Amino acid sequence: MPRSRPKDRTERGHASRERILDAAGTLFGERGYAGTSTAAICRRARVAKTALYWHFDHKEGLLIAALERANSKWREEIQKRTYETSDPNERLDLLIAGLRNIVENHEETLCLLLSVMLEQAKTNDELREMLQRITGGHKAALSRGIEDALGRTIPNLDLVCHTVFSLLDGIMLLYRISPEETDLDRLFQNLKETLVVSVLRAIQSAETDPTL
């Protein structure tokens, strides 16, 4: 039997690592961190436990890696589409489409973040600090996406972002509970309208009171 070449072993190792991350992201989001065993993750990923510990050392290391990957997907989805057109309204539509794509196709990302926030953030200082960095990065990415879409600097944009994220969390929960009954077209149109109104109010407030 021919020996495996180093490249083949590297590719298999990368593939197993990605399967473990996929399984962990889904199960942590569905069952929570405490409710998900390494055995369940390995069964779903079709790998031996030794592979999990080889790649991530321990369960908490896997959680941190899953959060980091979810963070990268989030930020990429928020920003990547706004540069495909020069029209501000079309850019805004593409930004909203990116947020919708997260809910429809990457809901495990949102579920993972919410699950860890609710379950682990109060008791684990390292995870709390990481979540603060992630949420801060998401806010910064969305801020840049909005300003790039509209082609101007927006005052007090952090408040607008908080509003958008709150609506997005609500949409995700509705879609997860009853996907067939959730009208995403209507909900994301409302999210866009809320974003636009919030931005206009922020601009008007700044023009009325330059100290804001």
Protein backbone atom coordinates (compact mmCIF):
# COMPACT_ATOMS: atom_id res chain seq x y z
CA MET A 1 0.00 0.00 0.00
CA PRO A 2 1.52 3.38 -1.04
CA ARG A 3 2.39 5.84 1.69
CA SER A 4 0.38 9.04 2.04
CA ARG A 5 2.28 12.03 0.77
CA PRO A 6 2.75 15.01 3.15
CA LYS A 7 0.48 17.14 0.97
CA ASP A 8 -2.29 14.54 1.13
CA ARG A 9 -2.01 14.35 4.93
CA THR A 10 -2.10 18.15 5.18
CA GLU A 11 -5.22 18.34 3.02
CA ARG A 12 -6.95 15.61 5.03
CA GLY A 13 -5.99 17.38 8.25
CA HIS A 14 -7.41 20.67 6.99
CA ALA A 15 -10.62 18.95 5.87
CA SER A 16 -11.09 17.26 9.24
CA ARG A 17 -10.45 20.56 11.05
CA GLU A 18 -13.12 22.30 8.95
CA ARG A 19 -15.62 19.50 9.60
CA ILE A 20 -15.00 19.79 13.32
CA LEU A 21 -15.54 23.56 13.18
CA ASP A 22 -18.73 23.13 11.14
CA ALA A 23 -20.07 20.58 13.61
CA ALA A 24 -19.08 22.62 16.66
CA GLY A 25 -20.59 25.85 15.31
CA THR A 26 -23.91 24.14 14.62
CA LEU A 27 -24.11 22.15 17.86
CA PHE A 28 -22.94 24.97 20.14
CA GLY A 29 -25.60 27.18 18.55
CA GLU A 30 -28.33 24.54 18.92
CA ARG A 31 -27.50 23.08 22.34
CA GLY A 32 -25.25 25.61 24.00
CA TYR A 33 -21.64 25.09 25.03
CA ALA A 34 -22.35 23.10 28.18
CA GLY A 35 -24.95 20.95 26.45
CA THR A 36 -22.63 19.90 23.63
CA SER A 37 -20.22 17.05 24.24
CA THR A 38 -16.99 16.51 22.34
CA ALA A 39 -18.34 13.04 21.46
CA ALA A 40 -21.38 14.62 19.74
CA ILE A 41 -19.13 17.00 17.81
CA CYS A 42 -16.88 14.16 16.67
CA ARG A 43 -19.85 12.02 15.59
CA ARG A 44 -21.26 14.85 13.52
CA ALA A 45 -17.86 15.67 12.03
CA ARG A 46 -17.06 11.97 11.43
CA VAL A 47 -13.69 12.15 13.16
CA ALA A 48 -12.03 10.49 16.13
CA LYS A 49 -11.69 12.41 19.40
CA THR A 50 -7.94 12.43 18.92
CA ALA A 51 -8.42 14.63 15.84
CA LEU A 52 -10.37 17.19 17.87
CA TYR A 53 -7.71 17.37 20.56
CA TRP A 54 -4.92 17.43 17.97
CA HIS A 55 -6.35 20.51 16.28
CA PHE A 56 -7.77 22.39 19.27
CA ASP A 57 -6.22 20.97 22.48
CA HIS A 58 -9.51 21.11 24.40
CA LYS A 59 -13.20 21.94 24.08
CA GLU A 60 -12.73 25.60 25.03
CA GLY A 61 -10.02 25.95 22.38
CA LEU A 62 -12.52 24.61 19.84
CA LEU A 63 -15.13 27.14 20.99
CA ILE A 64 -12.66 30.01 20.58
CA ALA A 65 -11.70 28.81 17.09
CA ALA A 66 -15.39 28.50 16.15
CA LEU A 67 -16.05 32.05 17.36
CA GLU A 68 -13.07 33.38 15.42
CA ARG A 69 -14.27 31.72 12.22
CA ALA A 70 -17.84 32.94 12.76
CA ASN A 71 -16.47 36.44 13.27
CA SER A 72 -14.57 36.31 9.96
CA LYS A 73 -17.67 35.15 8.06
CA TRP A 74 -19.76 37.89 9.65
CA ARG A 75 -17.41 40.72 8.81
CA GLU A 76 -16.83 39.49 5.27
CA GLU A 77 -20.54 39.21 4.59
CA ILE A 78 -21.22 42.70 5.94
CA GLN A 79 -18.60 44.44 3.82
CA LYS A 80 -17.87 42.48 0.69
CA ARG A 81 -20.94 43.49 -1.38
CA THR A 82 -20.97 47.25 -0.97
CA TYR A 83 -18.18 47.74 -3.52
CA GLU A 84 -20.01 46.06 -6.42
CA THR A 85 -21.82 49.24 -7.49
CA SER A 86 -21.40 52.99 -7.19
CA ASP A 87 -25.08 53.81 -6.62
CA PRO A 88 -25.71 54.53 -2.89
CA ASN A 89 -29.20 52.97 -2.84
CA GLU A 90 -27.96 49.84 -4.60
CA ARG A 91 -25.02 49.66 -2.18
CA LEU A 92 -27.39 49.85 0.75
CA ASP A 93 -29.55 47.11 -0.78
CA LEU A 94 -26.45 44.93 -1.15
CA LEU A 95 -25.50 45.58 2.45
CA ILE A 96 -28.98 44.52 3.59
CA ALA A 97 -28.76 41.47 1.30
CA GLY A 98 -25.53 40.52 3.07
CA LEU A 99 -27.26 40.68 6.45
CA ARG A 100 -30.13 38.60 5.09
CA ASN A 101 -27.70 36.03 3.75
CA ILE A 102 -26.31 35.59 7.26
CA VAL A 103 -29.79 34.81 8.59
CA GLU A 104 -30.76 32.49 5.72
CA ASN A 105 -27.49 30.66 5.11
CA HIS A 106 -25.29 31.23 8.16
CA GLU A 107 -27.76 31.32 11.02
CA GLU A 108 -25.48 29.04 13.03
CA THR A 109 -23.09 32.00 13.23
CA LEU A 110 -25.67 34.19 14.97
CA CYS A 111 -26.90 31.31 17.14
CA LEU A 112 -23.35 30.52 18.23
CA LEU A 113 -22.66 34.11 19.25
CA LEU A 114 -25.97 34.48 21.10
CA SER A 115 -25.56 31.13 22.84
CA VAL A 116 -22.08 31.94 24.12
CA MET A 117 -23.15 35.43 25.21
CA LEU A 118 -26.04 34.04 27.24
CA GLU A 119 -24.26 31.02 28.67
CA GLN A 120 -20.57 31.78 29.07
CA ALA A 121 -19.92 35.52 29.01
CA LYS A 122 -20.64 36.09 32.72
CA THR A 123 -18.42 33.31 33.99
CA ASN A 124 -15.50 33.17 31.56
CA ASP A 125 -13.33 36.29 31.43
CA GLU A 126 -11.40 35.18 28.33
CA LEU A 127 -14.56 34.51 26.36
CA ARG A 128 -16.17 37.73 27.58
CA GLU A 129 -13.20 39.75 26.35
CA MET A 130 -13.26 37.90 23.05
CA LEU A 131 -16.98 38.53 22.61
CA GLN A 132 -16.42 42.21 23.33
CA ARG A 133 -13.80 42.29 20.57
CA ILE A 134 -16.07 40.42 18.19
CA THR A 135 -19.12 42.61 18.78
CA GLY A 136 -16.96 45.72 18.57
CA GLY A 137 -15.53 44.46 15.29
CA HIS A 138 -19.02 43.75 13.95
CA LYS A 139 -20.13 47.26 14.86
CA ALA A 140 -17.06 48.74 13.15
CA ALA A 141 -17.63 46.59 10.04
CA LEU A 142 -21.28 47.59 9.83
CA SER A 143 -20.39 51.25 10.38
CA ARG A 144 -17.91 51.13 7.50
CA GLY A 145 -20.43 49.29 5.36
CA ILE A 146 -23.11 51.92 5.98
CA GLU A 147 -20.76 54.85 5.38
CA ASP A 148 -19.31 53.23 2.26
CA ALA A 149 -22.83 52.53 0.98
CA LEU A 150 -23.98 56.11 1.55
CA GLY A 151 -20.69 57.75 0.63
CA ARG A 152 -20.43 59.98 3.68
CA THR A 153 -19.53 60.05 7.37
CA ILE A 154 -22.49 59.51 9.69
CA PRO A 155 -22.47 60.96 13.25
CA ASN A 156 -23.37 58.73 16.20
CA LEU A 157 -23.39 55.70 13.93
CA ASP A 158 -22.79 53.35 16.85
CA LEU A 159 -26.40 53.87 17.98
CA VAL A 160 -27.67 53.05 14.48
CA CYS A 161 -25.61 49.86 14.50
CA HIS A 162 -27.02 48.83 17.88
CA THR A 163 -30.52 49.22 16.44
CA VAL A 164 -29.67 47.19 13.33
CA PHE A 165 -28.11 44.37 15.35
CA SER A 166 -31.13 44.25 17.68
CA LEU A 167 -33.48 43.91 14.71
CA LEU A 168 -31.21 41.32 13.12
CA ASP A 169 -31.22 39.20 16.29
CA GLY A 170 -35.01 39.40 16.39
CA ILE A 171 -35.33 38.37 12.74
CA MET A 172 -32.98 35.46 13.28
CA LEU A 173 -35.00 34.19 16.25
CA LEU A 174 -38.27 34.44 14.33
CA TYR A 175 -36.77 32.66 11.33
CA ARG A 176 -35.34 29.91 13.50
CA ILE A 177 -38.61 29.31 15.36
CA SER A 178 -40.92 29.37 12.31
CA PRO A 179 -38.98 29.69 9.03
CA GLU A 180 -41.96 28.99 6.76
CA GLU A 181 -44.09 31.67 8.42
CA THR A 182 -41.41 34.36 8.60
CA ASP A 183 -41.69 36.97 5.85
CA LEU A 184 -38.03 37.89 5.36
CA ASP A 185 -38.80 40.27 2.49
CA ARG A 186 -41.00 42.37 4.74
CA LEU A 187 -38.70 42.16 7.76
CA PHE A 188 -35.57 43.18 5.91
CA GLN A 189 -37.40 45.97 4.12
CA ASN A 190 -38.38 47.22 7.57
CA LEU A 191 -34.77 46.86 8.73
CA LYS A 192 -33.60 48.95 5.76
CA GLU A 193 -36.23 51.63 6.40
CA THR A 194 -35.32 51.74 10.09
CA LEU A 195 -31.64 52.08 9.21
CA VAL A 196 -32.32 54.93 6.77
CA VAL A 197 -34.58 56.79 9.23
CA SER A 198 -32.03 56.35 12.03
CA VAL A 199 -29.22 57.66 9.80
CA LEU A 200 -31.27 60.67 8.71
CA ARG A 201 -32.11 61.50 12.34
CA ALA A 202 -28.45 61.22 13.31
CA ILE A 203 -27.47 63.60 10.50
CA GLN A 204 -30.24 66.07 11.38
CA SER A 205 -29.33 66.01 15.07
CA ALA A 206 -25.70 66.71 14.25
CA GLU A 207 -26.66 69.61 11.98
CA THR A 208 -28.91 71.06 14.70
CA ASP A 209 -26.34 70.55 17.49
CA PRO A 210 -22.74 70.47 16.13
CA THR A 211 -21.46 69.30 19.54
CA LEU A 212 -23.07 65.86 19.03
